[in-house]
C-alpha atoms as a PDB file:
ATOM      1  CA  MET A   1      34.412   4.010  19.649  1.00  0.00           C
ATOM      2  CA  ARG A   2      32.200   6.429  17.593  1.00  0.00           C
ATOM      3  CA  GLN A   3      29.204   4.888  15.335  1.00  0.00           C
ATOM      4  CA  HIS A   4      29.615   5.416  11.695  1.00  0.00           C
ATOM      5  CA  ALA A   5      26.401   4.135  10.103  1.00  0.00           C
ATOM      6  CA  TYR A   6      22.829   5.384  10.841  1.00  0.00           C
ATOM      7  CA  PHE A   7      19.550   4.641   9.659  1.00  0.00           C
ATOM      8  CA  ILE A   8      16.555   7.009  10.246  1.00  0.00           C
ATOM      9  CA  ALA A   9      12.945   6.121   9.486  1.00  0.00           C
ATOM     10  CA  ALA A  10      11.431   9.188   8.061  1.00  0.00           C
ATOM     11  CA  THR A  11      10.366  10.927   4.972  1.00  0.00           C
ATOM     12  CA  VAL A  12      13.016  12.276   2.979  1.00  0.00           C
ATOM     13  CA  GLU A  13      13.256  15.669   4.010  1.00  0.00           C
ATOM     14  CA  GLU A  14      12.408  15.187   7.594  1.00  0.00           C
ATOM     15  CA  GLY A  15      15.052  12.220   7.718  1.00  0.00           C
ATOM     16  CA  ILE A  16      17.706  14.846   6.186  1.00  0.00           C
ATOM     17  CA  GLU A  17      17.000  17.321   8.908  1.00  0.00           C
ATOM     18  CA  SER A  18      17.437  14.816  11.409  1.00  0.00           C
ATOM     19  CA  ALA A  19      20.630  13.575   9.859  1.00  0.00           C
ATOM     20  CA  LEU A  20      21.872  17.458   9.299  1.00  0.00           C
ATOM     21  CA  ALA A  21      21.186  17.740  12.963  1.00  0.00           C
ATOM     22  CA  ILE A  22      23.021  14.895  14.218  1.00  0.00           C
ATOM     23  CA  ILE A  23      26.220  15.888  11.885  1.00  0.00           C
ATOM     24  CA  GLU A  24      26.428  19.424  13.304  1.00  0.00           C
ATOM     25  CA  ASN A  25      25.326  18.882  16.850  1.00  0.00           C
ATOM     26  CA  GLU A  26      27.086  15.461  17.590  1.00  0.00           C
ATOM     27  CA  LEU A  27      29.733  14.983  15.037  1.00  0.00           C
ATOM     28  CA  GLY A  28      30.868  18.538  15.228  1.00  0.00           C
ATOM     29  CA  MET A  29      30.905  19.348  11.606  1.00  0.00           C
ATOM     30  CA  LYS A  30      29.924  22.521   9.892  1.00  0.00           C
ATOM     31  CA  LEU A  31      26.921  22.391   7.500  1.00  0.00           C
ATOM     32  CA  GLN A  32      27.195  25.562   5.487  1.00  0.00           C
ATOM     33  CA  GLY A  33      29.352  25.476   2.484  1.00  0.00           C
ATOM     34  CA  ASN A  34      31.012  22.128   3.761  1.00  0.00           C
ATOM     35  CA  PRO A  35      31.862  19.849   0.704  1.00  0.00           C
ATOM     36  CA  ASP A  36      32.344  16.919   3.152  1.00  0.00           C
ATOM     37  CA  VAL A  37      28.527  16.906   3.921  1.00  0.00           C
ATOM     38  CA  VAL A  38      27.032  15.203   1.056  1.00  0.00           C
ATOM     39  CA  VAL A  39      23.210  14.764   0.829  1.00  0.00           C
ATOM     40  CA  LEU A  40      21.843  12.417  -2.037  1.00  0.00           C
ATOM     41  CA  ARG A  41      17.908  12.365  -2.528  1.00  0.00           C
ATOM     42  CA  HIS A  42      16.215   9.788  -4.263  1.00  0.00           C
ATOM     43  CA  GLY A  43      12.603   8.690  -5.156  1.00  0.00           C
ATOM     44  CA  LEU A  44      13.528   4.902  -6.003  1.00  0.00           C
ATOM     45  CA  PHE A  45      16.922   4.159  -4.711  1.00  0.00           C
ATOM     46  CA  SER A  46      18.587   1.903  -7.468  1.00  0.00           C
ATOM     47  CA  VAL A  47      21.700  -0.432  -7.784  1.00  0.00           C
ATOM     48  CA  GLU A  48      23.057   2.325  -9.751  1.00  0.00           C
ATOM     49  CA  ASP A  49      22.285   4.898  -7.199  1.00  0.00           C
ATOM     50  CA  ALA A  50      24.274   2.524  -4.794  1.00  0.00           C
ATOM     51  CA  ARG A  51      27.292   2.691  -7.040  1.00  0.00           C
ATOM     52  CA  SER A  52      27.033   6.667  -7.018  1.00  0.00           C
ATOM     53  CA  VAL A  53      26.844   6.463  -3.156  1.00  0.00           C
ATOM     54  CA  ALA A  54      30.182   4.174  -3.486  1.00  0.00           C
ATOM     55  CA  GLU A  55      31.849   6.518  -5.421  1.00  0.00           C
ATOM     56  CA  ALA A  56      30.986   9.577  -2.981  1.00  0.00           C
ATOM     57  CA  ALA A  57      31.927   7.435  -0.175  1.00  0.00           C
ATOM     58  CA  ALA A  58      35.221   6.493  -1.745  1.00  0.00           C
ATOM     59  CA  SER A  59      36.775  10.074  -2.059  1.00  0.00           C
ATOM     60  CA  ALA A  60      38.631  11.367   1.031  1.00  0.00           C
ATOM     61  CA  PRO A  61      37.156  14.299   2.927  1.00  0.00           C
ATOM     62  CA  MET A  62      38.581  17.902   1.162  1.00  0.00           C
ATOM     63  CA  VAL A  63      38.843  20.219   4.108  1.00  0.00           C
ATOM     64  CA  GLY A  64      38.666  18.196   7.411  1.00  0.00           C
ATOM     65  CA  ARG A  65      39.094  14.448   8.593  1.00  0.00           C
ATOM     66  CA  GLU A  66      35.362  13.577   8.562  1.00  0.00           C
ATOM     67  CA  LYS A  67      32.932  13.313   5.945  1.00  0.00           C
ATOM     68  CA  ALA A  68      29.436  12.609   6.109  1.00  0.00           C
ATOM     69  CA  VAL A  69      27.138  11.115   3.360  1.00  0.00           C
ATOM     70  CA  VAL A  70      23.281  11.076   3.503  1.00  0.00           C
ATOM     71  CA  ILE A  71      21.199   8.767   1.349  1.00  0.00           C
ATOM     72  CA  ALA A  72      17.581   9.567   1.583  1.00  0.00           C
ATOM     73  CA  ALA A  73      15.033   7.577  -0.403  1.00  0.00           C
ATOM     74  CA  SER A  74      11.248   6.891  -0.683  1.00  0.00           C
ATOM     75  CA  ARG A  75      12.238   3.286  -1.147  1.00  0.00           C
ATOM     76  CA  ALA A  76      14.756   1.219  -2.237  1.00  0.00           C
ATOM     77  CA  TYR A  77      15.326  -2.047  -4.012  1.00  0.00           C
ATOM     78  CA  HIS A  78      16.809  -5.032  -2.058  1.00  0.00           C
ATOM     79  CA  GLU A  79      19.457  -5.342  -4.743  1.00  0.00           C
ATOM     80  CA  ALA A  80      20.415  -1.664  -4.120  1.00  0.00           C
ATOM     81  CA  GLN A  81      20.474  -2.139  -0.322  1.00  0.00           C
ATOM     82  CA  ASN A  82      22.687  -5.462  -0.798  1.00  0.00           C
ATOM     83  CA  ALA A  83      24.994  -3.243  -2.727  1.00  0.00           C
ATOM     84  CA  LEU A  84      25.673  -0.921   0.205  1.00  0.00           C
ATOM     85  CA  LEU A  85      26.667  -3.569   2.597  1.00  0.00           C
ATOM     86  CA  LYS A  86      30.349  -3.501   2.275  1.00  0.00           C
ATOM     87  CA  ILE A  87      30.592   0.223   2.626  1.00  0.00           C
ATOM     88  CA  PHE A  88      28.386   0.251   5.766  1.00  0.00           C
ATOM     89  CA  GLU A  89      30.304  -2.509   7.020  1.00  0.00           C
ATOM     90  CA  GLU A  90      33.770  -1.163   6.744  1.00  0.00           C
ATOM     91  CA  PRO A  91      33.500   2.527   5.943  1.00  0.00           C
ATOM     92  CA  ALA A  92      36.673   4.532   5.214  1.00  0.00           C
ATOM     93  CA  PRO A  93      38.314   6.103   8.124  1.00  0.00           C
ATOM     94  CA  GLY A  94      36.516   9.466   9.166  1.00  0.00           C
ATOM     95  CA  LEU A  95      33.188   8.507   7.039  1.00  0.00           C
ATOM     96  CA  HIS A  96      29.753   8.815   8.519  1.00  0.00           C
ATOM     97  CA  LEU A  97      26.825   7.262   6.575  1.00  0.00           C
ATOM     98  CA  PHE A  98      22.952   8.071   6.889  1.00  0.00           C
ATOM     99  CA  PHE A  99      20.483   6.044   5.127  1.00  0.00           C
ATOM    100  CA  ILE A 100      16.931   7.041   5.233  1.00  0.00           C
ATOM    101  CA  LEU A 101      13.650   5.230   4.402  1.00  0.00           C
ATOM    102  CA  PRO A 102      10.058   5.879   5.461  1.00  0.00           C
ATOM    103  CA  SER A 103       9.881   3.017   7.671  1.00  0.00           C
ATOM    104  CA  THR A 104      12.512   0.467   9.408  1.00  0.00           C
ATOM    105  CA  GLY A 105      10.127  -2.362   7.911  1.00  0.00           C
ATOM    106  CA  MET A 106      11.861  -1.097   4.461  1.00  0.00           C
ATOM    107  CA  LEU A 107      15.281  -2.054   5.706  1.00  0.00           C
ATOM    108  CA  LEU A 108      16.953  -5.397   4.843  1.00  0.00           C
ATOM    109  CA  PRO A 109      17.896  -7.281   8.010  1.00  0.00           C
ATOM    110  CA  THR A 110      21.590  -7.680   6.637  1.00  0.00           C
ATOM    111  CA  LEU A 111      21.866  -3.890   6.371  1.00  0.00           C
ATOM    112  CA  ARG A 112      19.816  -3.395   9.738  1.00  0.00           C
ATOM    113  CA  SER A 113      22.715  -5.315  11.696  1.00  0.00           C
ATOM    114  CA  ARG A 114      25.307  -2.881  10.412  1.00  0.00           C
ATOM    115  CA  VAL A 115      23.527   0.517  11.365  1.00  0.00           C
ATOM    116  CA  GLN A 116      22.307   2.205  14.577  1.00  0.00           C
ATOM    117  CA  VAL A 117      18.680   3.307  14.329  1.00  0.00           C
ATOM    118  CA  VAL A 118      18.240   6.601  15.314  1.00  0.00           C
ATOM    119  CA  ARG A 119      14.916   8.612  15.945  1.00  0.00           C
ATOM    120  CA  ALA A 120      13.838  11.412  13.465  1.00  0.00           C
ATOM    121  CA  LYS A 121      12.428  14.579  14.789  1.00  0.00           C
ATOM    122  CA  GLU A 122       8.754  14.300  15.573  1.00  0.00           C
ATOM    123  CA  LYS A 123       6.446  16.035  13.237  1.00  0.00           C
ATOM    124  CA  GLY A 124       3.169  14.927  14.674  1.00  0.00           C
ATOM    125  CA  ALA A 125       0.282  14.667  12.120  1.00  0.00           C
ATOM    126  CA  ASN A 126       3.042  15.804   9.662  1.00  0.00           C
ATOM    127  CA  ALA A 127       4.761  12.601   9.691  1.00  0.00           C
ATOM    128  CA  ILE A 128       1.959  11.171   7.701  1.00  0.00           C
ATOM    129  CA  PRO A 129       2.339  11.785   3.919  1.00  0.00           C
ATOM    130  CA  ALA A 130      -0.674  13.784   2.248  1.00  0.00           C
ATOM    131  CA  GLU A 131      -1.363  10.681   0.087  1.00  0.00           C
ATOM    132  CA  ALA A 132      -2.081   8.482   3.152  1.00  0.00           C
ATOM    133  CA  GLN A 133      -3.970  11.017   5.049  1.00  0.00           C
ATOM    134  CA  GLU A 134      -6.351  11.222   1.878  1.00  0.00           C
ATOM    135  CA  PHE A 135      -6.702   7.499   2.012  1.00  0.00           C
ATOM    136  CA  LEU A 136      -7.413   7.224   5.545  1.00  0.00           C
ATOM    137  CA  ALA A 137     -10.034   9.751   5.307  1.00  0.00           C
ATOM    138  CA  ALA A 138     -11.557   8.455   2.149  1.00  0.00           C
ATOM    139  CA  SER A 139     -14.545   6.387   1.794  1.00  0.00           C
ATOM    140  CA  ARG A 140     -14.412   2.655   0.724  1.00  0.00           C
ATOM    141  CA  GLU A 141     -15.346   3.727  -2.658  1.00  0.00           C
ATOM    142  CA  LYS A 142     -12.982   6.410  -2.910  1.00  0.00           C
ATOM    143  CA  ARG A 143      -9.994   4.335  -1.728  1.00  0.00           C
ATOM    144  CA  SER A 144     -10.922   1.727  -4.571  1.00  0.00           C
ATOM    145  CA  THR A 145     -10.822   4.834  -7.164  1.00  0.00           C
ATOM    146  CA  ILE A 146      -7.474   5.512  -5.662  1.00  0.00           C
ATOM    147  CA  ALA A 147      -6.245   2.164  -5.723  1.00  0.00           C
ATOM    148  CA  LYS A 148      -7.246   1.809  -9.599  1.00  0.00           C
ATOM    149  CA  LYS A 149      -5.699   4.918 -10.471  1.00  0.00           C
ATOM    150  CA  LEU A 150      -2.342   3.984  -8.911  1.00  0.00           C
ATOM    151  CA  ALA A 151      -2.382   0.431 -10.712  1.00  0.00           C
ATOM    152  CA  THR A 152      -2.294   2.201 -14.124  1.00  0.00           C
ATOM    153  CA  GLY A 153       0.707   4.135 -15.753  1.00  0.00           C
ATOM    154  CA  ASP A 154       1.318   5.127 -19.504  1.00  0.00           C
ATOM    155  CA  ASP A 155       5.051   4.474 -19.375  1.00  0.00           C
ATOM    156  CA  GLU A 156       7.509   3.077 -16.633  1.00  0.00           C
ATOM    157  CA  GLU A 157       8.166   6.351 -15.075  1.00  0.00           C
ATOM    158  CA  GLU A 158       4.743   6.959 -14.427  1.00  0.00           C
ATOM    159  CA  ARG A 159       4.259   3.523 -12.931  1.00  0.00           C
ATOM    160  CA  ARG A 160       7.146   4.075 -10.709  1.00  0.00           C
ATOM    161  CA  LEU A 161       5.584   7.223  -9.592  1.00  0.00           C
ATOM    162  CA  HIS A 162       2.478   5.524  -8.898  1.00  0.00           C
ATOM    163  CA  ARG A 163       4.157   2.630  -6.943  1.00  0.00           C
ATOM    164  CA  ASP A 164       5.933   5.266  -5.036  1.00  0.00           C
ATOM    165  CA  GLU A 165       2.646   7.069  -4.109  1.00  0.00           C
ATOM    166  CA  ALA A 166       1.228   3.636  -3.134  1.00  0.00           C
ATOM    167  CA  LEU A 167       4.298   3.091  -0.987  1.00  0.00           C
ATOM    168  CA  ALA A 168       3.709   6.448   0.693  1.00  0.00           C
ATOM    169  CA  ILE A 169       0.046   5.265   1.378  1.00  0.00           C
ATOM    170  CA  VAL A 170       1.155   2.052   3.008  1.00  0.00           C
ATOM    171  CA  ASN A 171       3.997   3.710   5.247  1.00  0.00           C
ATOM    172  CA  GLY A 172       1.515   6.668   6.198  1.00  0.00           C
ATOM    173  CA  VAL A 173      -1.135   4.096   7.322  1.00  0.00           C
ATOM    174  CA  GLU A 174       1.490   2.407   9.521  1.00  0.00           C
ATOM    175  CA  ALA A 175       2.594   5.499  10.920  1.00  0.00           C
ATOM    176  CA  ALA A 176      -1.204   6.258  11.922  1.00  0.00           C
ATOM    177  CA  ALA A 177      -1.293   2.709  13.303  1.00  0.00           C
ATOM    178  CA  PHE A 178       1.851   3.339  15.492  1.00  0.00           C
ATOM    179  CA  ALA A 179       0.277   6.512  16.651  1.00  0.00           C
ATOM    180  CA  LYS A 180      -2.973   4.735  17.450  1.00  0.00           C
ATOM    181  CA  PHE A 181      -1.935   1.653  19.231  1.00  0.00           C
ATOM    182  CA  LYS A 182       1.426   2.942  20.968  1.00  0.00           C
ATOM    183  CA  LYS A 183      -0.630   2.501  24.138  1.00  0.00           C
ATOM    184  CA  GLU A 184      -2.510  -0.568  23.143  1.00  0.00           C
ATOM    185  CA  ARG A 185      -0.644  -3.497  22.237  1.00  0.00           C
ATOM    186  CA  GLY A 186      -3.650  -5.835  21.450  1.00  0.00           C
ATOM    187  CA  ARG A 187      -4.208  -8.504  19.109  1.00  0.00           C
ATOM    188  CA  GLU A 188      -5.930  -5.869  16.338  1.00  0.00           C
ATOM    189  CA  ALA A 189      -2.762  -3.590  16.476  1.00  0.00           C
ATOM    190  CA  ALA A 190      -0.493  -6.722  15.674  1.00  0.00           C
ATOM    191  CA  ALA A 191      -2.703  -7.777  13.048  1.00  0.00           C
ATOM    192  CA  LEU A 192      -2.810  -4.889  11.377  1.00  0.00           C
ATOM    193  CA  LEU A 193       0.878  -4.057  11.587  1.00  0.00           C
ATOM    194  CA  SER A 194       1.618  -7.531  10.345  1.00  0.00           C
ATOM    195  CA  ASP A 195      -0.559  -6.858   7.262  1.00  0.00           C
ATOM    196  CA  ILE A 196       1.042  -3.624   6.504  1.00  0.00           C
ATOM    197  CA  ALA A 197       4.582  -5.137   6.622  1.00  0.00           C
ATOM    198  CA  ILE A 198       3.569  -7.953   4.252  1.00  0.00           C
ATOM    199  CA  VAL A 199       1.863  -5.719   1.693  1.00  0.00           C
ATOM    200  CA  ARG A 200       4.578  -3.196   1.625  1.00  0.00           C
ATOM    201  CA  THR A 201       6.988  -6.194   0.860  1.00  0.00           C
ATOM    202  CA  TYR A 202       4.885  -7.136  -2.069  1.00  0.00           C
ATOM    203  CA  LEU A 203       5.232  -3.729  -3.549  1.00  0.00           C
ATOM    204  CA  TYR A 204       9.013  -4.009  -3.867  1.00  0.00           C
ATOM    205  CA  ASP A 205       8.341  -6.561  -6.860  1.00  0.00           C
ATOM    206  CA  ARG A 206       7.506  -4.506  -9.749  1.00  0.00           C
ATOM    207  CA  SER A 207       5.000  -6.950 -11.262  1.00  0.00           C
ATOM    208  CA  ALA A 208       3.091  -6.789  -7.770  1.00  0.00           C
ATOM    209  CA  PRO A 209      -0.870  -6.046  -8.373  1.00  0.00           C
ATOM    210  CA  VAL A 210      -0.714  -2.447  -6.722  1.00  0.00           C
ATOM    211  CA  ARG A 211      -4.640  -2.286  -7.071  1.00  0.00           C
ATOM    212  CA  MET A 212      -5.209  -5.610  -5.032  1.00  0.00           C
ATOM    213  CA  ILE A 213      -2.669  -4.704  -2.507  1.00  0.00           C
ATOM    214  CA  LEU A 214      -4.500  -1.034  -2.026  1.00  0.00           C
ATOM    215  CA  GLU A 215      -7.804  -2.592  -1.951  1.00  0.00           C
ATOM    216  CA  HIS A 216      -6.841  -5.026   0.699  1.00  0.00           C
ATOM    217  CA  LEU A 217      -5.299  -2.502   2.934  1.00  0.00           C
ATOM    218  CA  ALA A 218      -8.630  -0.371   2.586  1.00  0.00           C
ATOM    219  CA  ILE A 219     -10.412  -3.507   3.997  1.00  0.00           C
ATOM    220  CA  VAL A 220      -8.345  -4.121   6.982  1.00  0.00           C
ATOM    221  CA  ILE A 221      -7.674  -0.340   7.945  1.00  0.00           C
ATOM    222  CA  PRO A 222      -9.851  -0.024  11.028  1.00  0.00           C
ATOM    223  CA  LYS A 223     -12.644   2.750  11.439  1.00  0.00           C
ATOM    224  CA  GLY A 224     -11.330   6.147  12.828  1.00  0.00           C
ATOM    225  CA  LEU A 225      -7.530   5.654  11.976  1.00  0.00           C
ATOM    226  CA  GLY A 226      -5.708   8.757  11.101  1.00  0.00           C
ATOM    227  CA  LYS A 227      -8.381  10.622  12.961  1.00  0.00           C
END
């Protein structure tokens, strides 16, 4: 039986690239000018976005028997992921769904059980967002300045963008930690990755103190991580 729901842990554009490769090479669907290949890009994936996905998924294929919908986001509200459960659990005949987030840790367990996790194309150092690379290379004082900046915002949109940037830093630090510790499964690695998973969960809360979260992360990052 063919798999119909996939999850890819990657940045938006890298995840889309990987999803399109699967669609073309494994599902045998043409990409160029194909209305049955739908790609949806989001910064913050909301409940309203999930409704739009449901509408796109509900329409029948236009030129063939199969349809692929790719949903890529920098982060996603838990409520939005819950809104996807039904279409991921019972996709329409011929429908293939791809959900892309920067990390598997951002995926709800209930949705995780309904998808096949596939690896994105390896990009080496480019897999770490620029924001995270800057944070990792910065001094303790500079990290504090970055944290202070991202804790501010003149309106909801700017605060959302800053929270997305903070999340990119957290995900990038996690990617650097995995790269460094992939051959070293000691206590230091386990403790750091556990800390990262916890602080990322806090960032889902709109009222969470972004500055405190990033300053805590700055303290627990071991020297030399990301180099």
